[in-house]
Structures are given as C-alpha cells and as structure tokens.
C-alpha cells in the first residue's frame, strides 16, 4: 500500500501554486474535478500521495496524476480576429490552414479556441488554456451573448425578420431564439445584425437557411464584453486584466 504524505502543506509563497489550480492549469480537468481526483488519492507529489486540497506546489515539485507528469502552464488569454479560410476547431489535431497558425507566436503555452468557427466565418475567436473558463463559457445555461454581422444572398423581407424575432423552428422539436435581430443602418437589407446567446454550432446558418436564404458571410463582431476595436482582421492580442476579471466574475 502506498503511503500518503503526512507532512503539512508548504507555506504559500509568491512562486507556489495551490494544487487543484496547478492541475487545472495543465488542461487535464477543471479545478472542481481536480479536488475529486486529489481526494481519491490519484495525485502524487515527489513520489507521495497528497490528498490535501490546499497543498501548495513549489517550483521543482514532481506532480503526477494517475502516474503521468503534470506540467502546469500559466493561464493565457488571446483574442483573434479570424480571417476567412482558416478553421477554428476545439478538437485536437492538425488541419490545413488552422487558426492556430495565426496565433503561433502569442504564447509558448498550448491554447485552444473556446468555440469552433468554420472556415467561411470570420471575427472574434477566443483562445485560452484556462480549463475552468472554457467550461464556464461553453455552458449552454450561461448564455454568453455574441453579435454577428450576416450577409445574405438576397434582401431579407420584413416578414422574415419578424419570424426570426419570434424564434425559428429548424426541425420538429428545435426552435432557435435570438436576443435581437435588425437591419444595419446605412447598409442594404442583405446585411443583418444578429445577437445570439445559444452555443449551438452554425445556428446563424440554420436560421436563415430554414427561411430560404443563403448565408454568404458571418462575422462575429462582439463576444461577451470583447469587441473588434483596434484589432484588424488576421491579428491577435492578449486580453487585459480587466477583461480577464470580467470573465472570472461571471457566476
């Protein structure tokens, strides 16, 4: 039977990290799940099982989960204004013209997009290695608002605009609701502004195609409290402290 560490946790220092946070930062799981794995005795530090949630991991400690070495990365948050032709995928792997190529020099850590974005769509795409934040933002119950500018193959008629406001049934039991939809001032009626909170993939396409329109372009211009201001197409930037804190304050 393997021994557990009977020593008290090292004192918290500027360079130490709480064990559950250390594991979550590695991308293995959320902090809540890390607590469970720690309690189950699945985590070792320097060869000894540690079941103390608040254990402070020190620089140089050998941390292992289920026998595998855990390397904790510093949380990174990168916002990309994705151009057309690049795939933004949350699935691991290498794709031709992957959006990951565009942020290659943003950080030395592995970061992934929070949501998928197909090759034809453009606009804001958030990348991070913060597992807890990714889980929070992808939770359908949370309803993160996103604003899109949509270009159609023909003018949207007023009656269809009203149908969208009422919610569009895309199949027998599935109705997609929007937060807001309107024509864009100064533009033709082919260009529409749509605000959504659903996490359903390609919801924009499903809505308009159901009503007989072809979607020619989708540009995500707002994601939660993030906008495209001062972020040209194909460029990226790190989130500032205020933007990160606003995400973390979300319940």
Protein backbone atom coordinates (compact mmCIF):
# COMPACT_ATOMS: atom_id res chain seq x y z
CA UNK A 1 0.00 0.00 0.00
CA UNK A 2 1.39 3.38 -0.99
CA UNK A 3 1.99 5.92 1.73
CA UNK A 4 0.33 9.28 1.84
CA UNK A 5 2.14 12.45 2.69
CA UNK A 6 1.77 13.19 6.41
CA UNK A 7 3.63 16.47 6.15
CA UNK A 8 1.67 19.69 6.28
CA UNK A 9 1.43 21.68 3.09
CA UNK A 10 4.35 24.00 2.42
CA UNK A 11 3.59 27.64 3.13
CA UNK A 12 2.11 29.73 0.36
CA UNK A 13 4.69 31.86 -1.40
CA UNK A 14 4.75 34.14 -4.41
CA UNK A 15 6.06 31.24 -6.53
CA UNK A 16 3.84 28.45 -5.15
CA UNK A 17 0.51 27.31 -6.61
CA UNK A 18 -2.47 25.66 -4.94
CA UNK A 19 -2.56 22.00 -6.05
CA UNK A 20 -6.04 21.97 -7.60
CA UNK A 21 -5.25 25.14 -9.55
CA UNK A 22 -1.92 23.67 -10.67
CA UNK A 23 -3.69 20.61 -12.09
CA UNK A 24 -6.47 22.66 -13.72
CA UNK A 25 -3.93 24.95 -15.38
CA UNK A 26 -2.38 21.91 -17.06
CA UNK A 27 -5.59 21.44 -19.04
CA UNK A 28 -6.37 17.99 -17.62
CA UNK A 29 -9.62 18.99 -15.92
CA UNK A 30 -11.45 21.74 -14.05
CA UNK A 31 -10.46 22.78 -10.52
CA UNK A 32 -13.56 21.08 -9.08
CA UNK A 33 -12.66 17.82 -10.83
CA UNK A 34 -9.08 18.19 -9.58
CA UNK A 35 -10.40 18.31 -5.99
CA UNK A 36 -12.14 15.00 -6.60
CA UNK A 37 -9.03 13.36 -8.07
CA UNK A 38 -6.92 14.62 -5.16
CA UNK A 39 -9.40 13.23 -2.62
CA UNK A 40 -9.34 9.87 -4.43
CA UNK A 41 -5.56 9.67 -3.95
CA UNK A 42 -4.79 9.91 -7.65
CA UNK A 43 -2.25 12.72 -7.27
CA UNK A 44 1.36 12.33 -6.15
CA UNK A 45 3.90 15.00 -5.33
CA UNK A 46 7.53 13.94 -5.23
CA UNK A 47 6.50 10.29 -5.05
CA UNK A 48 3.95 10.63 -2.23
CA UNK A 49 0.15 10.70 -2.47
CA UNK A 50 -1.26 14.06 -1.43
CA UNK A 51 -4.95 14.38 -0.50
CA UNK A 52 -4.83 17.94 0.83
CA UNK A 53 -6.80 20.25 -1.46
CA UNK A 54 -4.89 23.36 -0.44
CA UNK A 55 -1.43 21.84 -0.79
CA UNK A 56 0.99 24.44 -2.16
CA UNK A 57 3.03 23.15 -5.10
CA UNK A 58 6.55 24.56 -5.10
CA UNK A 59 8.77 25.20 -8.15
CA UNK A 60 10.59 21.97 -9.00
CA UNK A 61 7.99 19.65 -7.43
CA UNK A 62 7.27 16.48 -9.41
CA UNK A 63 3.46 16.40 -9.68
CA UNK A 64 1.80 13.32 -11.17
CA UNK A 65 -1.83 12.50 -11.88
CA UNK A 66 -2.64 8.84 -12.46
CA UNK A 67 1.06 8.23 -13.00
CA UNK A 68 1.50 10.96 -15.61
CA UNK A 69 3.67 14.03 -15.10
CA UNK A 70 1.61 17.21 -14.77
CA UNK A 71 3.09 20.39 -16.19
CA UNK A 72 1.12 23.48 -15.22
CA UNK A 73 1.04 26.36 -17.67
CA UNK A 74 0.39 29.95 -16.76
CA UNK A 75 -3.14 30.89 -17.91
CA UNK A 76 -3.10 32.67 -21.27
CA UNK A 77 -5.96 34.51 -22.99
CA UNK A 78 -5.64 35.50 -26.65
CA UNK A 79 -8.27 37.14 -28.86
CA UNK A 80 -8.02 36.65 -32.63
CA UNK A 81 -9.93 38.44 -35.38
CA UNK A 82 -10.09 35.36 -37.59
CA UNK A 83 -9.97 35.84 -41.37
CA UNK A 84 -11.83 33.69 -43.86
CA UNK A 85 -10.25 30.38 -44.89
CA UNK A 86 -8.86 29.30 -41.51
CA UNK A 87 -10.54 26.64 -39.38
CA UNK A 88 -11.05 27.38 -35.69
CA UNK A 89 -11.51 23.96 -34.10
CA UNK A 90 -11.71 22.90 -30.45
CA UNK A 91 -10.65 19.39 -31.48
CA UNK A 92 -7.03 18.41 -31.08
CA UNK A 93 -5.14 17.79 -34.29
CA UNK A 94 -3.54 19.47 -37.26
CA UNK A 95 -5.68 20.89 -40.05
CA UNK A 96 -4.82 22.61 -43.29
CA UNK A 97 -4.96 26.36 -42.64
CA UNK A 98 -5.69 26.01 -38.92
CA UNK A 99 -6.41 29.23 -36.99
CA UNK A 100 -3.72 28.06 -34.55
CA UNK A 101 -1.15 29.14 -37.16
CA UNK A 102 -2.25 32.75 -36.77
CA UNK A 103 -1.52 32.86 -33.02
CA UNK A 104 1.62 30.73 -33.14
CA UNK A 105 3.78 33.45 -31.56
CA UNK A 106 1.21 34.62 -28.99
CA UNK A 107 2.42 32.36 -26.17
CA UNK A 108 4.70 29.42 -25.52
CA UNK A 109 1.78 27.53 -23.92
CA UNK A 110 -0.75 25.34 -25.71
CA UNK A 111 -4.00 27.28 -26.06
CA UNK A 112 -7.18 26.27 -27.89
CA UNK A 113 -10.28 28.13 -29.11
CA UNK A 114 -13.19 28.22 -26.68
CA UNK A 115 -15.68 27.67 -29.51
CA UNK A 116 -15.43 26.26 -33.01
CA UNK A 117 -15.56 28.53 -36.06
CA UNK A 118 -15.77 27.21 -39.60
CA UNK A 119 -13.54 28.35 -42.46
CA UNK A 120 -16.09 30.65 -44.06
CA UNK A 121 -16.88 32.58 -40.86
CA UNK A 122 -14.78 35.49 -39.62
CA UNK A 123 -14.42 37.56 -36.48
CA UNK A 124 -13.68 37.16 -32.80
CA UNK A 125 -12.27 33.85 -31.61
CA UNK A 126 -11.03 33.49 -28.02
CA UNK A 127 -8.16 31.11 -27.20
CA UNK A 128 -7.11 30.02 -23.71
CA UNK A 129 -5.65 27.18 -21.65
CA UNK A 130 -7.85 28.13 -18.68
CA UNK A 131 -9.95 24.96 -18.43
CA UNK A 132 -12.38 26.37 -15.89
CA UNK A 133 -13.11 29.39 -18.05
CA UNK A 134 -13.64 27.21 -21.13
CA UNK A 135 -16.15 25.07 -19.25
CA UNK A 136 -17.90 28.20 -17.97
CA UNK A 137 -18.16 29.85 -21.39
CA UNK A 138 -19.37 26.69 -23.14
CA UNK A 139 -22.12 26.06 -20.60
CA UNK A 140 -25.43 26.43 -22.52
CA UNK A 141 -27.17 27.67 -19.37
CA UNK A 142 -24.80 30.64 -19.09
CA UNK A 143 -25.81 32.23 -22.39
CA UNK A 144 -22.78 34.26 -23.48
CA UNK A 145 -24.03 36.97 -25.85
CA UNK A 146 -22.46 37.18 -29.29
CA UNK A 147 -23.21 39.72 -32.02
CA UNK A 148 -22.85 38.79 -35.70
CA UNK A 149 -22.99 40.74 -38.96
CA UNK A 150 -24.57 38.44 -41.53
CA UNK A 151 -24.56 38.90 -45.32
CA UNK A 152 -27.30 37.08 -47.25
CA UNK A 153 -27.69 36.24 -50.95
CA UNK A 154 -30.77 38.49 -51.18
CA UNK A 155 -32.61 41.14 -49.20
CA UNK A 156 -34.31 39.96 -46.01
CA UNK A 157 -38.01 40.76 -46.13
CA UNK A 158 -39.71 42.32 -43.11
CA UNK A 159 -41.99 39.34 -42.52
CA UNK A 160 -38.99 37.02 -42.20
CA UNK A 161 -37.31 39.47 -39.85
CA UNK A 162 -40.36 39.20 -37.59
CA UNK A 163 -40.26 35.40 -37.81
CA UNK A 164 -36.65 35.42 -36.61
CA UNK A 165 -37.59 37.66 -33.68
CA UNK A 166 -40.27 35.16 -32.69
CA UNK A 167 -37.87 32.21 -32.96
CA UNK A 168 -37.34 29.86 -35.89
CA UNK A 169 -38.23 26.17 -35.71
CA UNK A 170 -35.39 24.48 -37.61
CA UNK A 171 -36.76 20.99 -37.15
CA UNK A 172 -39.80 19.41 -35.49
CA UNK A 173 -38.70 19.92 -31.89
CA UNK A 174 -35.92 22.50 -32.14
CA UNK A 175 -36.55 26.24 -32.03
CA UNK A 176 -33.71 28.74 -32.14
CA UNK A 177 -34.30 32.04 -30.35
CA UNK A 178 -32.30 35.22 -30.91
CA UNK A 179 -31.70 38.02 -28.44
CA UNK A 180 -32.07 40.65 -31.18
CA UNK A 181 -32.11 40.97 -34.97
CA UNK A 182 -32.21 44.11 -37.11
CA UNK A 183 -31.20 45.69 -40.37
CA UNK A 184 -27.91 47.57 -40.21
CA UNK A 185 -28.24 51.32 -40.69
CA UNK A 186 -26.68 52.53 -43.93
CA UNK A 187 -26.47 49.02 -45.40
CA UNK A 188 -28.64 47.08 -47.82
CA UNK A 189 -31.22 44.67 -46.43
CA UNK A 190 -28.87 41.82 -47.31
CA UNK A 191 -26.73 42.77 -44.29
CA UNK A 192 -28.28 41.87 -40.93
CA UNK A 193 -27.21 42.25 -37.31
CA UNK A 194 -27.98 39.26 -35.08
CA UNK A 195 -27.41 38.84 -31.35
CA UNK A 196 -27.37 35.26 -30.03
CA UNK A 197 -26.71 33.58 -26.70
CA UNK A 198 -27.08 29.97 -27.87
CA UNK A 199 -23.96 27.81 -28.10
CA UNK A 200 -25.43 25.79 -30.95
CA UNK A 201 -22.89 25.38 -33.76
CA UNK A 202 -23.88 27.11 -37.04
CA UNK A 203 -27.09 28.48 -35.51
CA UNK A 204 -26.95 31.51 -37.83
CA UNK A 205 -26.87 29.27 -40.89
CA UNK A 206 -29.74 27.10 -39.60
CA UNK A 207 -31.97 30.14 -39.01
CA UNK A 208 -31.60 31.79 -42.41
CA UNK A 209 -31.43 28.61 -44.47
CA UNK A 210 -34.71 27.48 -42.91
CA UNK A 211 -36.30 30.68 -44.25
CA UNK A 212 -34.88 30.21 -47.75
CA UNK A 213 -31.76 32.41 -47.65
CA UNK A 214 -28.16 31.51 -48.40
CA UNK A 215 -25.68 32.87 -45.87
CA UNK A 216 -22.73 34.32 -47.74
CA UNK A 217 -20.77 35.72 -44.80
CA UNK A 218 -20.85 35.60 -40.98
CA UNK A 219 -18.65 37.96 -38.97
CA UNK A 220 -18.63 37.77 -35.15
CA UNK A 221 -18.09 41.36 -34.02
CA UNK A 222 -18.85 41.02 -30.28
CA UNK A 223 -18.14 38.16 -27.87
CA UNK A 224 -19.39 38.84 -24.32
CA UNK A 225 -17.62 42.12 -23.42
CA UNK A 226 -14.96 41.78 -26.17
CA UNK A 227 -15.12 43.74 -29.44
CA UNK A 228 -13.06 44.07 -32.62
CA UNK A 229 -11.95 47.61 -31.77
CA UNK A 230 -8.32 48.18 -32.83
CA UNK A 231 -7.99 44.52 -33.88
CA UNK A 232 -7.56 44.21 -37.68
CA UNK A 233 -8.52 41.03 -39.48
CA UNK A 234 -5.91 38.30 -39.04
CA UNK A 235 -4.36 39.95 -35.96
CA UNK A 236 -4.47 38.91 -32.30
CA UNK A 237 -3.95 40.46 -28.88
CA UNK A 238 -3.75 39.33 -25.26
CA UNK A 239 -6.72 40.13 -23.03
CA UNK A 240 -6.03 42.80 -20.45
CA UNK A 241 -6.52 42.26 -16.73
CA UNK A 242 -9.93 43.93 -16.67
CA UNK A 243 -11.24 41.72 -19.49
CA UNK A 244 -9.96 38.57 -17.78
CA UNK A 245 -11.51 39.59 -14.45
CA UNK A 246 -14.89 40.26 -16.08
CA UNK A 247 -14.91 36.68 -17.34
CA UNK A 248 -13.88 35.32 -13.95
CA UNK A 249 -16.64 37.33 -12.22
CA UNK A 250 -19.28 35.51 -14.25
CA UNK A 251 -21.22 33.14 -11.99
